[in-house]
Amino acid sequence: MNKMQIILASQSPRRKALLEQLGVKKYQIIVSEIEEKMDMSLKIEDRIKKIAYEKAEAVWNKTNGERIVIAADTIVEKENKVYGKPKDEKAAMRMLKELKNTKVNVITAMAVLIQEKEQKIEKMDCTTTEIYIKDMTEEEIEKWIATGKAMDRAGAFSIQDEFMKHIEKIVGDFNSAVGLSTSKLYDRIKKYL
């Protein structure tokens, strides 16, 4: 099989690293630049699946030839409240005060669009990982926010760097919570690698 063009519709350094962990060395990054609007009439999983699909579709429409377009979207959810990336440090503080000492769901939706000969194949996945965040003092929250890393993450936290000391337990797919379910992605694209 010819090596197919692989396109990651994300500039996330975490998704880039996860794609490379699958052994994908040659790929292009094309950012979708869509406005991410949640359709509140849908269930939470369907809302983020729709955003992941819209990201993939936007990049798909900018490209041609035999290709694989991979897009994803990650949110944090607690008791049906969705937490995206914080707008500022105050928002990050507010989020972390709500999320500390509790279980949250990190939900990542992934859209994989594949052009094979004349056929367009569309694959959608959604993975939920349970994260148990320990109780944190205000000082600990401020220290984390001061790293600058809270601003680029849904829920203002991450599980793969200094914040991990505040994680008590993870149930489910670690990589999906980081930004991409590598096991599901591998199943979708392995025949093309």
Protein backbone atom coordinates (compact mmCIF):
# COMPACT_ATOMS: atom_id res chain seq x y z
CA MET A 1 0.00 0.00 0.00
CA ASN A 2 1.27 3.48 -0.84
CA LYS A 3 2.05 5.66 2.11
CA MET A 4 -0.87 8.00 2.40
CA GLN A 5 -0.60 11.69 3.21
CA ILE A 6 -1.41 12.15 6.91
CA ILE A 7 -2.70 15.50 8.12
CA LEU A 8 -3.14 16.47 11.76
CA ALA A 9 -5.79 19.19 12.06
CA SER A 10 -4.31 20.53 15.30
CA GLN A 11 -1.37 22.59 16.48
CA SER A 12 -1.45 20.96 19.93
CA PRO A 13 2.08 19.83 20.84
CA ARG A 14 0.50 17.02 22.88
CA ARG A 15 -1.46 15.62 19.91
CA LYS A 16 1.64 15.94 17.73
CA ALA A 17 3.68 13.92 20.28
CA LEU A 18 0.95 11.26 20.55
CA LEU A 19 0.78 10.88 16.75
CA GLU A 20 4.57 10.44 16.64
CA GLN A 21 4.34 7.78 19.38
CA LEU A 22 2.35 5.70 16.87
CA GLY A 23 5.41 5.74 14.62
CA VAL A 24 4.01 8.39 12.26
CA LYS A 25 7.05 10.41 11.22
CA LYS A 26 5.80 12.11 8.06
CA TYR A 27 2.71 14.21 8.45
CA GLN A 28 1.49 17.72 7.87
CA ILE A 29 -0.14 20.09 10.34
CA ILE A 30 -3.02 22.14 8.96
CA VAL A 31 -5.10 23.98 11.53
CA SER A 32 -8.83 24.13 10.81
CA GLU A 33 -9.38 27.68 12.13
CA ILE A 34 -13.10 27.03 12.62
CA GLU A 35 -15.03 28.84 15.31
CA GLU A 36 -15.72 26.18 17.92
CA LYS A 37 -19.39 26.53 18.79
CA MET A 38 -21.07 23.93 20.95
CA ASP A 39 -24.55 22.85 19.90
CA MET A 40 -26.26 22.89 23.29
CA SER A 41 -29.21 20.85 21.97
CA LEU A 42 -26.94 17.80 21.71
CA LYS A 43 -25.64 15.44 24.42
CA ILE A 44 -22.15 16.43 25.65
CA GLU A 45 -20.40 13.60 23.72
CA ASP A 46 -22.25 14.51 20.52
CA ARG A 47 -21.37 18.19 20.95
CA ILE A 48 -17.65 17.53 20.96
CA LYS A 49 -17.89 14.87 18.25
CA LYS A 50 -19.51 17.54 16.08
CA ILE A 51 -16.66 19.99 16.78
CA ALA A 52 -14.01 17.34 16.04
CA TYR A 53 -15.81 16.49 12.79
CA GLU A 54 -16.11 20.17 11.80
CA LYS A 55 -12.35 20.63 12.39
CA ALA A 56 -11.56 17.59 10.23
CA GLU A 57 -14.03 18.61 7.51
CA ALA A 58 -12.60 22.17 7.30
CA VAL A 59 -9.10 20.77 6.70
CA TRP A 60 -10.46 18.08 4.37
CA ASN A 61 -11.98 20.79 2.19
CA LYS A 62 -8.62 22.61 1.94
CA THR A 63 -6.75 19.49 0.77
CA ASN A 64 -7.01 16.80 -1.89
CA GLY A 65 -5.62 13.46 -2.98
CA GLU A 66 -5.37 10.25 -0.98
CA ARG A 67 -5.11 11.44 2.58
CA ILE A 68 -6.03 10.92 6.21
CA VAL A 69 -7.21 13.94 8.21
CA ILE A 70 -7.16 13.55 11.99
CA ALA A 71 -8.92 16.05 14.26
CA ALA A 72 -9.86 15.97 17.92
CA ASP A 73 -11.50 18.03 20.62
CA THR A 74 -11.17 17.62 24.38
CA ILE A 75 -13.36 18.97 27.16
CA VAL A 76 -13.64 18.45 30.90
CA GLU A 77 -17.07 17.67 32.31
CA LYS A 78 -18.35 17.54 35.86
CA GLU A 79 -22.03 16.99 36.66
CA ASN A 80 -23.05 18.03 33.13
CA LYS A 81 -21.07 21.28 33.31
CA VAL A 82 -18.50 21.66 30.55
CA TYR A 83 -15.09 23.21 31.18
CA GLY A 84 -13.10 24.41 28.18
CA LYS A 85 -9.86 26.40 28.17
CA PRO A 86 -9.91 29.29 30.68
CA LYS A 87 -10.10 32.82 29.24
CA ASP A 88 -7.77 34.23 31.90
CA GLU A 89 -6.09 33.40 35.21
CA LYS A 90 -9.20 34.30 37.23
CA ALA A 91 -11.24 31.83 35.18
CA ALA A 92 -8.53 29.18 35.69
CA MET A 93 -8.67 29.76 39.47
CA ARG A 94 -12.46 29.51 39.44
CA MET A 95 -12.38 26.28 37.44
CA LEU A 96 -9.80 24.60 39.63
CA LYS A 97 -11.67 25.55 42.80
CA GLU A 98 -14.71 23.78 41.34
CA LEU A 99 -12.77 20.76 40.09
CA LYS A 100 -10.49 20.07 43.09
CA ASN A 101 -11.32 17.23 45.49
CA THR A 102 -13.64 15.59 42.97
CA LYS A 103 -13.96 13.22 40.00
CA VAL A 104 -14.15 14.80 36.55
CA ASN A 105 -14.57 13.29 33.10
CA VAL A 106 -12.12 14.21 30.38
CA ILE A 107 -13.90 13.56 27.09
CA THR A 108 -11.98 13.49 23.82
CA ALA A 109 -13.74 13.16 20.48
CA MET A 110 -11.74 12.18 17.42
CA ALA A 111 -12.68 12.41 13.75
CA VAL A 112 -10.65 10.52 11.13
CA LEU A 113 -11.48 11.21 7.48
CA ILE A 114 -9.81 8.95 4.92
CA GLN A 115 -9.74 9.40 1.13
CA GLU A 116 -9.00 5.99 -0.35
CA LYS A 117 -9.27 5.84 -4.15
CA GLU A 118 -12.74 7.27 -4.88
CA GLN A 119 -14.11 6.59 -1.41
CA LYS A 120 -14.34 8.92 1.60
CA ILE A 121 -14.34 6.99 4.86
CA GLU A 122 -15.46 8.77 8.05
CA LYS A 123 -14.65 7.37 11.49
CA MET A 124 -15.75 8.98 14.76
CA ASP A 125 -14.74 8.05 18.29
CA CYS A 126 -15.43 9.47 21.72
CA THR A 127 -13.51 8.40 24.82
CA THR A 128 -14.21 9.32 28.43
CA THR A 129 -11.47 9.11 31.05
CA GLU A 130 -12.21 9.61 34.75
CA ILE A 131 -9.74 11.84 36.59
CA TYR A 132 -9.80 12.10 40.38
CA ILE A 133 -8.30 15.44 41.44
CA LYS A 134 -7.03 15.77 45.00
CA ASP A 135 -7.94 18.63 47.28
CA MET A 136 -5.69 21.62 46.58
CA THR A 137 -4.88 24.73 48.59
CA GLU A 138 -5.30 28.14 46.99
CA GLU A 139 -1.51 28.44 47.06
CA GLU A 140 -1.11 25.17 45.13
CA ILE A 141 -3.62 26.34 42.53
CA GLU A 142 -1.84 29.70 42.18
CA LYS A 143 1.53 27.93 41.82
CA TRP A 144 0.15 25.75 39.01
CA ILE A 145 -1.47 28.73 37.22
CA ALA A 146 1.85 30.61 37.48
CA THR A 147 3.48 27.95 35.25
CA GLY A 148 1.33 29.29 32.38
CA LYS A 149 0.28 25.77 31.43
CA ALA A 150 -3.25 26.07 32.80
CA MET A 151 -4.30 28.47 30.05
CA ASP A 152 -3.97 26.06 27.14
CA ARG A 153 -5.90 23.18 28.72
CA ALA A 154 -9.55 22.27 29.09
CA GLY A 155 -10.45 22.56 32.77
CA ALA A 156 -7.19 24.49 33.37
CA PHE A 157 -5.28 21.31 34.20
CA SER A 158 -3.33 18.51 32.55
CA ILE A 159 -2.31 15.03 33.61
CA GLN A 160 1.09 14.73 31.94
CA ASP A 161 3.20 17.41 33.64
CA GLU A 162 3.64 19.05 37.06
CA PHE A 163 -0.10 18.94 37.71
CA MET A 164 0.08 15.13 38.01
CA LYS A 165 0.99 15.48 41.71
CA HIS A 166 -2.60 16.69 42.23
CA ILE A 167 -4.10 13.64 40.48
CA GLU A 168 -5.14 10.85 42.81
CA LYS A 169 -6.31 8.34 40.21
CA ILE A 170 -6.99 7.95 36.49
CA VAL A 171 -9.54 5.43 35.22
CA GLY A 172 -9.53 4.87 31.47
CA ASP A 173 -7.43 5.92 28.49
CA PHE A 174 -4.53 8.13 29.67
CA ASN A 175 -3.56 9.26 26.16
CA SER A 176 -7.13 10.20 25.31
CA ALA A 177 -7.17 12.49 28.36
CA VAL A 178 -3.93 14.05 27.08
CA GLY A 179 -5.61 14.72 23.72
CA LEU A 180 -5.83 11.68 21.43
CA SER A 181 -6.76 8.04 21.94
CA THR A 182 -3.69 6.46 20.36
CA SER A 183 -5.11 2.92 20.57
CA LYS A 184 -8.30 3.91 18.71
CA LEU A 185 -6.39 6.05 16.23
CA TYR A 186 -3.99 3.18 15.50
CA ASP A 187 -6.93 0.84 14.82
CA ARG A 188 -8.33 3.41 12.36
CA ILE A 189 -5.13 4.06 10.39
CA LYS A 190 -2.86 0.99 10.83
CA LYS A 191 -3.52 -0.43 7.38
CA TYR A 192 -2.21 2.81 5.85
CA LEU A 193 1.00 3.04 7.90
